[in-house]
């Protein structure tokens, strides 16, 4: 037996890694088993419980609204709509609160200047589920690689949209 000869006749646990000297051990214990295909997960998150309100701080909601505004601008959407999302993001970032759920339930958030019905619906979705369906839809509809161009210094959403229209 090649495994016994290699280790001097002493039966030990087989090595975890193949030998480094180039001589491969042909024993069945030394050859790794083929890996089974791992099924892809659809979503790691469970659906929220009824009545559950996620703890969402204003900075997280502002980041989501800014991302929505950028993706809308990349698509060439209405500039007033993108400006409304940017304005709402600034208004949320200026709030001095740790959690938006109590502000949303008691109606205080609806009275904040800069938050309209559309942006308030996105914040309500964030608080209710922990993620925004609009943001997920926009990210799914945005062509691959287009959103990553936002990270390039000197390229704004307007230039990226022009490049996309010109180059296709």
Protein backbone atom coordinates (compact mmCIF):
# COMPACT_ATOMS: atom_id res chain seq x y z
CA UNK A 1 0.00 0.00 0.00
CA UNK A 2 1.55 3.31 -1.09
CA UNK A 3 0.19 5.17 1.91
CA UNK A 4 1.75 2.70 4.37
CA UNK A 5 5.07 2.70 2.50
CA UNK A 6 5.24 6.44 2.50
CA UNK A 7 4.72 6.73 6.26
CA UNK A 8 6.98 3.82 7.24
CA UNK A 9 4.28 1.22 7.78
CA UNK A 10 2.62 3.27 10.49
CA UNK A 11 -1.05 3.83 9.91
CA UNK A 12 -1.84 7.45 10.66
CA UNK A 13 -4.50 9.87 9.61
CA UNK A 14 -3.89 10.75 5.98
CA UNK A 15 -2.43 14.19 5.32
CA UNK A 16 -4.94 16.95 4.78
CA UNK A 17 -2.97 18.60 2.01
CA UNK A 18 -1.16 16.79 -0.80
CA UNK A 19 2.59 16.30 -0.26
CA UNK A 20 4.67 19.32 -1.21
CA UNK A 21 7.59 17.38 -2.65
CA UNK A 22 5.71 16.73 -5.88
CA UNK A 23 4.99 13.04 -5.16
CA UNK A 24 1.26 12.66 -5.05
CA UNK A 25 -0.24 10.11 -2.74
CA UNK A 26 -2.55 7.79 -4.68
CA UNK A 27 -4.34 6.44 -1.63
CA UNK A 28 -8.09 7.07 -1.60
CA UNK A 29 -7.69 8.98 1.66
CA UNK A 30 -5.34 11.49 0.00
CA UNK A 31 -7.51 12.38 -2.96
CA UNK A 32 -10.16 14.96 -2.21
CA UNK A 33 -13.74 14.09 -2.87
CA UNK A 34 -15.38 15.97 -5.73
CA UNK A 35 -17.27 19.02 -4.52
CA UNK A 36 -21.00 18.99 -5.01
CA UNK A 37 -22.58 21.96 -6.66
CA UNK A 38 -23.80 24.41 -4.07
CA UNK A 39 -27.22 25.81 -4.93
CA UNK A 40 -27.39 29.59 -5.13
CA UNK A 41 -29.42 31.32 -2.47
CA UNK A 42 -32.22 33.57 -3.53
CA UNK A 43 -32.18 35.79 -0.48
CA UNK A 44 -30.52 35.52 2.88
CA UNK A 45 -33.18 37.57 4.62
CA UNK A 46 -36.40 36.21 5.94
CA UNK A 47 -39.59 38.11 5.33
CA UNK A 48 -40.28 40.41 8.28
CA UNK A 49 -42.82 39.53 10.91
CA UNK A 50 -46.14 41.38 10.74
CA UNK A 51 -45.84 44.62 12.70
CA UNK A 52 -42.03 44.50 12.57
CA UNK A 53 -40.28 47.84 12.17
CA UNK A 54 -36.61 47.75 11.24
CA UNK A 55 -34.19 50.01 13.06
CA UNK A 56 -33.15 52.43 10.34
CA UNK A 57 -31.01 55.42 11.17
CA UNK A 58 -31.27 58.62 9.11
CA UNK A 59 -27.84 58.18 7.51
CA UNK A 60 -28.76 54.75 6.13
CA UNK A 61 -32.03 56.06 4.72
CA UNK A 62 -30.22 59.09 3.26
CA UNK A 63 -27.69 56.80 1.57
CA UNK A 64 -30.51 54.74 0.04
CA UNK A 65 -32.28 57.87 -1.23
CA UNK A 66 -29.03 59.21 -2.70
CA UNK A 67 -28.43 55.89 -4.44
CA UNK A 68 -31.98 55.98 -5.85
CA UNK A 69 -31.41 59.54 -7.11
CA UNK A 70 -28.13 58.55 -8.77
CA UNK A 71 -29.69 55.53 -10.47
CA UNK A 72 -32.64 57.60 -11.68
CA UNK A 73 -30.24 60.16 -13.08
CA UNK A 74 -28.21 57.41 -14.79
CA UNK A 75 -31.40 56.29 -16.52
CA UNK A 76 -32.08 59.82 -17.71
CA UNK A 77 -35.21 60.16 -15.60
CA UNK A 78 -36.96 63.43 -14.78
CA UNK A 79 -34.39 65.83 -13.23
CA UNK A 80 -37.01 67.18 -10.81
CA UNK A 81 -37.58 63.67 -9.49
CA UNK A 82 -33.86 63.07 -8.96
CA UNK A 83 -33.54 66.45 -7.25
CA UNK A 84 -36.42 65.54 -4.94
CA UNK A 85 -34.61 62.37 -3.84
CA UNK A 86 -31.36 64.32 -3.28
CA UNK A 87 -33.26 66.93 -1.25
CA UNK A 88 -34.94 64.24 0.84
CA UNK A 89 -31.57 62.60 1.48
CA UNK A 90 -30.13 65.90 2.75
CA UNK A 91 -33.21 66.45 4.93
CA UNK A 92 -32.87 62.98 6.48
CA UNK A 93 -29.13 63.37 7.03
CA UNK A 94 -29.80 66.58 8.96
CA UNK A 95 -32.17 64.85 11.40
CA UNK A 96 -30.92 64.33 14.93
CA UNK A 97 -32.38 60.89 15.61
CA UNK A 98 -31.14 57.36 16.07
CA UNK A 99 -34.15 55.56 14.62
CA UNK A 100 -36.71 56.63 12.02
CA UNK A 101 -39.43 54.14 13.02
CA UNK A 102 -40.87 56.21 15.91
CA UNK A 103 -40.76 59.37 13.78
CA UNK A 104 -42.59 57.57 10.99
CA UNK A 105 -45.30 56.08 13.19
CA UNK A 106 -46.13 59.32 15.01
CA UNK A 107 -46.18 61.42 11.82
CA UNK A 108 -43.20 63.63 12.67
CA UNK A 109 -41.30 62.45 9.61
CA UNK A 110 -44.10 63.54 7.26
CA UNK A 111 -43.75 67.11 8.56
CA UNK A 112 -40.03 67.34 7.73
CA UNK A 113 -39.47 69.83 4.89
CA UNK A 114 -38.01 68.11 1.83
CA UNK A 115 -39.79 64.80 2.30
CA UNK A 116 -42.64 64.28 -0.12
CA UNK A 117 -45.05 61.39 -0.51
CA UNK A 118 -42.76 59.42 -2.86
CA UNK A 119 -39.64 59.73 -0.74
CA UNK A 120 -41.64 59.09 2.42
CA UNK A 121 -42.95 55.87 0.85
CA UNK A 122 -39.35 54.73 0.25
CA UNK A 123 -38.45 55.51 3.87
CA UNK A 124 -41.57 53.66 5.06
CA UNK A 125 -40.51 50.67 2.95
CA UNK A 126 -37.03 50.79 4.49
CA UNK A 127 -38.48 50.89 7.99
CA UNK A 128 -41.05 48.17 7.32
CA UNK A 129 -38.79 45.65 5.57
CA UNK A 130 -35.21 46.82 6.09
CA UNK A 131 -34.67 47.34 2.36
CA UNK A 132 -36.15 49.41 -0.43
CA UNK A 133 -38.06 47.69 -3.23
CA UNK A 134 -37.57 50.75 -5.47
CA UNK A 135 -33.81 50.66 -4.96
CA UNK A 136 -33.70 46.91 -5.65
CA UNK A 137 -35.77 47.38 -8.83
CA UNK A 138 -33.58 50.24 -10.06
CA UNK A 139 -30.39 48.26 -9.41
CA UNK A 140 -31.85 45.29 -11.29
CA UNK A 141 -32.87 47.48 -14.25
CA UNK A 142 -29.57 49.37 -14.47
CA UNK A 143 -27.19 47.82 -17.04
CA UNK A 144 -24.22 45.96 -15.59
CA UNK A 145 -21.18 48.13 -15.02
CA UNK A 146 -23.02 51.42 -15.38
CA UNK A 147 -23.45 52.01 -11.64
CA UNK A 148 -19.79 51.10 -11.01
CA UNK A 149 -18.75 54.01 -13.21
CA UNK A 150 -19.98 56.32 -10.45
CA UNK A 151 -16.85 55.37 -8.51
CA UNK A 152 -14.56 56.79 -11.20
CA UNK A 153 -13.34 60.24 -10.11
CA UNK A 154 -14.46 62.98 -12.47
CA UNK A 155 -17.36 61.01 -13.92
CA UNK A 156 -20.75 62.19 -12.76
CA UNK A 157 -24.15 60.78 -13.55
CA UNK A 158 -24.64 63.21 -16.43
CA UNK A 159 -21.42 62.19 -18.19
CA UNK A 160 -22.09 58.51 -17.59
CA UNK A 161 -25.58 58.86 -19.08
CA UNK A 162 -24.13 60.64 -22.15
CA UNK A 163 -21.50 57.90 -22.56
CA UNK A 164 -24.17 55.22 -22.31
CA UNK A 165 -26.38 56.93 -24.89
CA UNK A 166 -23.46 57.52 -27.28
CA UNK A 167 -21.76 54.14 -26.97
CA UNK A 168 -24.87 52.07 -26.30
